Amino acid sequence: MREHGARCGKLPDTVKKREITAECRAERPAGTRLANLDVPIGCAPFPVSLPLFRHGGARNSASRTSHWLTLAQAEKLINAAHIAEQIGRPLNRHICVHWEAAGLTDREAMAATTAFLKYLREWCRGETAYLWTRENGAGKGSHVHILAHIPEGRTMRGALSRRWVARCTMRTYRAGAIFTRKIAGSSQPWGAHYGHNLSEVLAYTLKGTEPKSALVLGIGHENGGQISGKRCGTSRNLAGRRE
């Protein structure tokens, strides 16, 4: 892992979306593409203030359902992004797996997500960190967003990730089931470029937060749909409190 003297890119303690100028707004694409951009996103600086939260999580049971992320869950994921920075494993890749497009129901999607993350850990030889959220929105179907650290020297090629999806679903891979993109600026995780992009992707990943809680966090809300089983989580090395 590359050593550096400065702290990793000052990730804002909340993920408020920044005020965007008219000039900047004209260049911003919408939807999932926004979270996958390879260019700086936004123009204005971030506000900073961190709410701490209790650690905890729902049991991974398909009989348990939810309709949104709670405030505590969203804060846990924000905290996880900070911890990733602190332990030298900054989140540098956004992965979106569309389980419904791959042929699975939402009740099958959690087991497939667990299997996918296992492949990711093994491929990274344990040198990873990640957080994830699941959504089941109208028109999109069941899918998972993963923000992960991919260690230096590893390249997540399309053929590899498609093979993982095929193994997780036990089906022939279907086109469009997985999208993955490096988070721009992550080669210099202490820089503003990376901090801006990570903040935007994190806000996008948290958009399924309960409406009032999204307002508290200062992020946009979109209906994340009903999910069977666990709705979000982190790797074990991101599950603790920040010091």
Protein backbone atom coordinates (compact mmCIF):
# COMPACT_ATOMS: atom_id res chain seq x y z
CA MET A 1 0.00 0.00 0.00
CA ARG A 2 1.36 3.39 -0.92
CA GLU A 3 2.40 5.52 2.04
CA HIS A 4 1.70 9.21 2.10
CA GLY A 5 2.30 12.04 4.48
CA ALA A 6 -1.07 13.76 4.26
CA ARG A 7 -4.34 12.28 5.48
CA CYS A 8 -6.45 10.58 2.85
CA GLY A 9 -8.83 12.88 0.97
CA LYS A 10 -10.82 14.72 3.57
CA LEU A 11 -14.08 12.84 3.17
CA PRO A 12 -16.86 15.09 4.50
CA ASP A 13 -18.30 13.92 7.79
CA THR A 14 -21.75 14.17 6.29
CA VAL A 15 -22.54 13.52 2.66
CA LYS A 16 -24.51 16.64 1.89
CA LYS A 17 -24.75 17.22 -1.80
CA ARG A 18 -23.00 20.41 -2.74
CA GLU A 19 -24.54 23.42 -4.37
CA ILE A 20 -23.96 23.04 -8.10
CA THR A 21 -23.54 26.02 -10.39
CA ALA A 22 -25.59 26.26 -13.60
CA GLU A 23 -22.44 25.70 -15.65
CA CYS A 24 -21.52 22.63 -13.66
CA ARG A 25 -25.07 21.25 -13.66
CA ALA A 26 -25.19 21.32 -17.46
CA GLU A 27 -22.33 18.82 -17.58
CA ARG A 28 -23.73 16.38 -15.00
CA PRO A 29 -25.32 13.13 -16.26
CA ALA A 30 -28.19 11.60 -14.31
CA GLY A 31 -28.98 8.22 -12.80
CA THR A 32 -26.50 5.40 -12.18
CA ARG A 33 -24.02 7.02 -14.57
CA LEU A 34 -23.62 9.85 -12.08
CA ALA A 35 -22.13 7.46 -9.54
CA ASN A 36 -19.73 6.01 -12.11
CA LEU A 37 -18.16 9.20 -13.46
CA ASP A 38 -14.44 9.28 -14.16
CA VAL A 39 -14.35 13.08 -13.91
CA PRO A 40 -14.65 15.48 -10.97
CA ILE A 41 -18.25 15.91 -9.83
CA GLY A 42 -19.58 19.15 -8.45
CA CYS A 43 -17.91 22.50 -7.92
CA ALA A 44 -18.61 23.74 -4.39
CA PRO A 45 -16.91 22.76 -1.08
CA PHE A 46 -18.44 20.38 1.47
CA PRO A 47 -19.95 21.21 4.86
CA VAL A 48 -18.43 19.19 7.73
CA SER A 49 -20.11 17.78 10.85
CA LEU A 50 -20.19 14.14 11.99
CA PRO A 51 -23.02 12.42 13.87
CA LEU A 52 -21.81 9.27 15.69
CA PHE A 53 -24.04 6.22 15.94
CA ARG A 54 -24.44 2.80 17.52
CA HIS A 55 -23.02 -0.25 15.77
CA GLY A 56 -25.53 -2.93 14.80
CA GLY A 57 -27.30 -4.60 11.90
CA ALA A 58 -30.30 -6.63 10.87
CA ARG A 59 -30.13 -10.40 10.77
CA ASN A 60 -29.55 -11.83 7.34
CA SER A 61 -32.99 -13.44 7.02
CA ALA A 62 -35.09 -13.53 3.87
CA SER A 63 -38.20 -13.33 6.06
CA ARG A 64 -37.18 -9.88 7.29
CA THR A 65 -38.23 -7.02 5.02
CA SER A 66 -37.51 -3.29 4.92
CA HIS A 67 -38.37 -0.36 2.71
CA TRP A 68 -35.47 2.01 3.35
CA LEU A 69 -32.20 2.55 5.17
CA THR A 70 -32.56 3.93 8.68
CA LEU A 71 -30.59 6.94 9.90
CA ALA A 72 -28.40 4.64 12.04
CA GLN A 73 -27.65 2.43 9.05
CA ALA A 74 -26.77 5.38 6.83
CA GLU A 75 -24.50 6.80 9.54
CA LYS A 76 -22.84 3.41 9.92
CA LEU A 77 -22.00 3.40 6.22
CA ILE A 78 -20.66 6.97 6.34
CA ASN A 79 -18.53 5.96 9.32
CA ALA A 80 -17.29 2.91 7.41
CA ALA A 81 -16.02 5.14 4.59
CA HIS A 82 -14.02 7.13 7.16
CA ILE A 83 -12.58 3.95 8.68
CA ALA A 84 -11.52 2.72 5.24
CA GLU A 85 -9.54 5.94 4.89
CA GLN A 86 -7.97 5.53 8.33
CA ILE A 87 -6.81 1.94 7.82
CA GLY A 88 -5.21 2.70 4.46
CA ARG A 89 -7.85 0.99 2.34
CA PRO A 90 -9.76 3.88 0.77
CA LEU A 91 -12.84 2.88 -1.22
CA ASN A 92 -11.74 3.11 -4.84
CA ARG A 93 -14.30 1.16 -6.88
CA HIS A 94 -18.07 1.29 -7.33
CA ILE A 95 -19.73 -2.00 -8.30
CA CYS A 96 -23.42 -2.42 -9.11
CA VAL A 97 -24.81 -5.94 -9.57
CA HIS A 98 -28.35 -6.16 -10.96
CA TRP A 99 -29.52 -9.48 -9.57
CA GLU A 100 -32.93 -9.33 -11.23
CA ALA A 101 -31.27 -8.77 -14.60
CA ALA A 102 -29.12 -11.80 -13.81
CA GLY A 103 -32.24 -13.91 -13.28
CA LEU A 104 -32.71 -13.87 -9.49
CA THR A 105 -35.62 -12.84 -7.30
CA ASP A 106 -35.07 -10.42 -4.44
CA ARG A 107 -35.39 -13.28 -1.94
CA GLU A 108 -32.43 -14.94 -3.69
CA ALA A 109 -30.39 -11.77 -3.98
CA MET A 110 -28.93 -11.66 -0.46
CA ALA A 111 -27.35 -15.11 -0.75
CA ALA A 112 -25.93 -14.11 -4.13
CA THR A 113 -24.55 -10.87 -2.65
CA THR A 114 -22.86 -12.83 0.15
CA ALA A 115 -21.29 -15.16 -2.41
CA PHE A 116 -20.13 -12.25 -4.60
CA LEU A 117 -18.44 -10.56 -1.63
CA LYS A 118 -16.71 -13.84 -0.78
CA TYR A 119 -15.27 -14.01 -4.31
CA LEU A 120 -14.16 -10.38 -3.95
CA ARG A 121 -12.40 -11.03 -0.61
CA GLU A 122 -10.63 -14.13 -1.92
CA TRP A 123 -9.52 -12.42 -5.13
CA CYS A 124 -8.13 -9.50 -3.09
CA ARG A 125 -6.44 -12.01 -0.75
CA GLY A 126 -8.14 -10.36 2.19
CA GLU A 127 -6.65 -6.95 1.41
CA THR A 128 -9.98 -5.26 0.83
CA ALA A 129 -12.65 -3.25 2.60
CA TYR A 130 -16.18 -2.56 1.45
CA LEU A 131 -19.66 -1.31 2.21
CA TRP A 132 -22.86 -2.18 0.37
CA THR A 133 -26.55 -1.36 0.08
CA ARG A 134 -29.37 -3.21 -1.63
CA GLU A 135 -32.28 -1.66 -3.54
CA ASN A 136 -35.33 -3.01 -5.34
CA GLY A 137 -36.73 0.05 -7.06
CA ALA A 138 -39.47 0.09 -9.66
CA GLY A 139 -38.06 -0.44 -13.14
CA LYS A 140 -34.65 -1.53 -11.82
CA GLY A 141 -35.40 -4.66 -9.83
CA SER A 142 -33.25 -6.08 -7.06
CA HIS A 143 -29.64 -4.87 -7.17
CA VAL A 144 -26.72 -4.10 -4.89
CA HIS A 145 -24.30 -1.17 -4.78
CA ILE A 146 -20.83 -1.99 -3.44
CA LEU A 147 -18.09 0.54 -2.68
CA ALA A 148 -14.87 -1.44 -2.30
CA HIS A 149 -11.13 -1.08 -1.91
CA ILE A 150 -9.23 -2.94 -4.62
CA PRO A 151 -5.55 -3.29 -3.66
CA GLU A 152 -2.80 -1.84 -5.82
CA GLY A 153 -1.73 -4.25 -8.52
CA ARG A 154 -5.18 -5.80 -8.93
CA THR A 155 -7.38 -5.00 -11.94
CA MET A 156 -11.06 -5.89 -11.82
CA ARG A 157 -11.68 -6.84 -15.44
CA GLY A 158 -15.12 -7.36 -16.91
CA ALA A 159 -14.64 -11.05 -17.69
CA LEU A 160 -13.72 -11.75 -14.08
CA SER A 161 -16.71 -9.97 -12.54
CA ARG A 162 -19.08 -11.53 -15.08
CA ARG A 163 -17.77 -14.96 -14.13
CA TRP A 164 -18.47 -14.23 -10.45
CA VAL A 165 -22.05 -13.24 -11.27
CA ALA A 166 -22.56 -16.45 -13.26
CA ARG A 167 -21.24 -18.53 -10.37
CA CYS A 168 -23.36 -16.67 -7.79
CA THR A 169 -26.55 -17.12 -9.79
CA MET A 170 -25.74 -20.58 -11.21
CA ARG A 171 -26.97 -19.22 -14.53
CA THR A 172 -25.42 -18.14 -17.79
CA TYR A 173 -24.35 -14.52 -17.48
CA ARG A 174 -26.86 -12.02 -18.90
CA ALA A 175 -25.66 -8.81 -20.49
CA GLY A 176 -25.98 -5.74 -18.28
CA ALA A 177 -26.04 -7.59 -14.95
CA ILE A 178 -22.93 -5.88 -13.58
CA PHE A 179 -21.37 -2.44 -13.90
CA THR A 180 -18.10 -1.47 -12.26
CA ARG A 181 -15.98 1.66 -12.41
CA LYS A 182 -12.95 3.00 -10.59
CA ILE A 183 -13.74 6.03 -8.41
CA ALA A 184 -11.92 8.91 -10.05
CA GLY A 185 -8.97 10.34 -8.16
CA SER A 186 -8.51 7.26 -5.98
CA SER A 187 -4.85 6.94 -6.99
CA GLN A 188 -4.37 10.01 -4.77
CA PRO A 189 -6.84 9.33 -1.94
CA TRP A 190 -5.61 12.31 0.08
CA GLY A 191 -6.64 14.74 -2.66
CA ALA A 192 -9.75 16.86 -3.18
CA HIS A 193 -10.53 15.18 -6.52
CA TYR A 194 -11.01 11.81 -4.84
CA GLY A 195 -12.86 13.32 -1.88
CA HIS A 196 -15.36 15.01 -4.18
CA ASN A 197 -16.04 11.89 -6.21
CA LEU A 198 -16.27 9.54 -3.23
CA SER A 199 -18.72 11.91 -1.53
CA GLU A 200 -20.96 11.91 -4.59
CA VAL A 201 -20.87 8.13 -5.03
CA LEU A 202 -21.53 7.61 -1.32
CA ALA A 203 -24.53 9.95 -1.43
CA TYR A 204 -25.83 8.00 -4.42
CA THR A 205 -25.34 4.70 -2.58
CA LEU A 206 -27.31 6.07 0.40
CA LYS A 207 -30.20 7.47 -1.64
CA GLY A 208 -32.54 4.74 -0.34
CA THR A 209 -32.39 6.26 3.15
CA GLU A 210 -35.75 6.97 4.82
CA PRO A 211 -36.96 10.41 3.60
CA LYS A 212 -36.72 12.31 6.90
CA SER A 213 -33.32 10.80 7.64
CA ALA A 214 -32.09 11.70 4.15
CA LEU A 215 -33.13 15.27 4.92
CA VAL A 216 -31.12 15.16 8.17
CA LEU A 217 -28.07 13.96 6.24
CA GLY A 218 -28.62 16.48 3.46
CA ILE A 219 -28.80 13.90 0.67
CA GLY A 220 -31.39 13.17 -1.98
CA HIS A 221 -33.93 10.39 -1.43
CA GLU A 222 -35.20 7.84 -3.92
CA ASN A 223 -37.54 4.95 -3.21
CA GLY A 224 -35.33 1.91 -2.63
CA GLY A 225 -38.22 -0.56 -2.68
CA GLN A 226 -38.96 -3.51 -0.43
CA ILE A 227 -35.94 -5.69 0.35
CA SER A 228 -36.00 -9.23 1.73
CA GLY A 229 -33.15 -9.88 4.16
CA LYS A 230 -30.31 -7.59 5.12
CA ARG A 231 -30.37 -4.20 3.41
CA CYS A 232 -26.82 -3.00 3.98
CA GLY A 233 -23.52 -4.00 5.50
CA THR A 234 -19.75 -3.59 5.64
CA SER A 235 -16.67 -5.76 5.74
CA ARG A 236 -15.60 -6.64 9.28
CA ASN A 237 -12.65 -4.27 9.21
CA LEU A 238 -15.05 -1.33 8.68
CA ALA A 239 -17.55 -2.29 11.36
CA GLY A 240 -16.01 -0.45 14.33
CA ARG A 241 -16.07 3.13 15.53
CA ARG A 242 -13.73 5.82 14.32
CA GLU A 243 -11.08 6.82 16.83
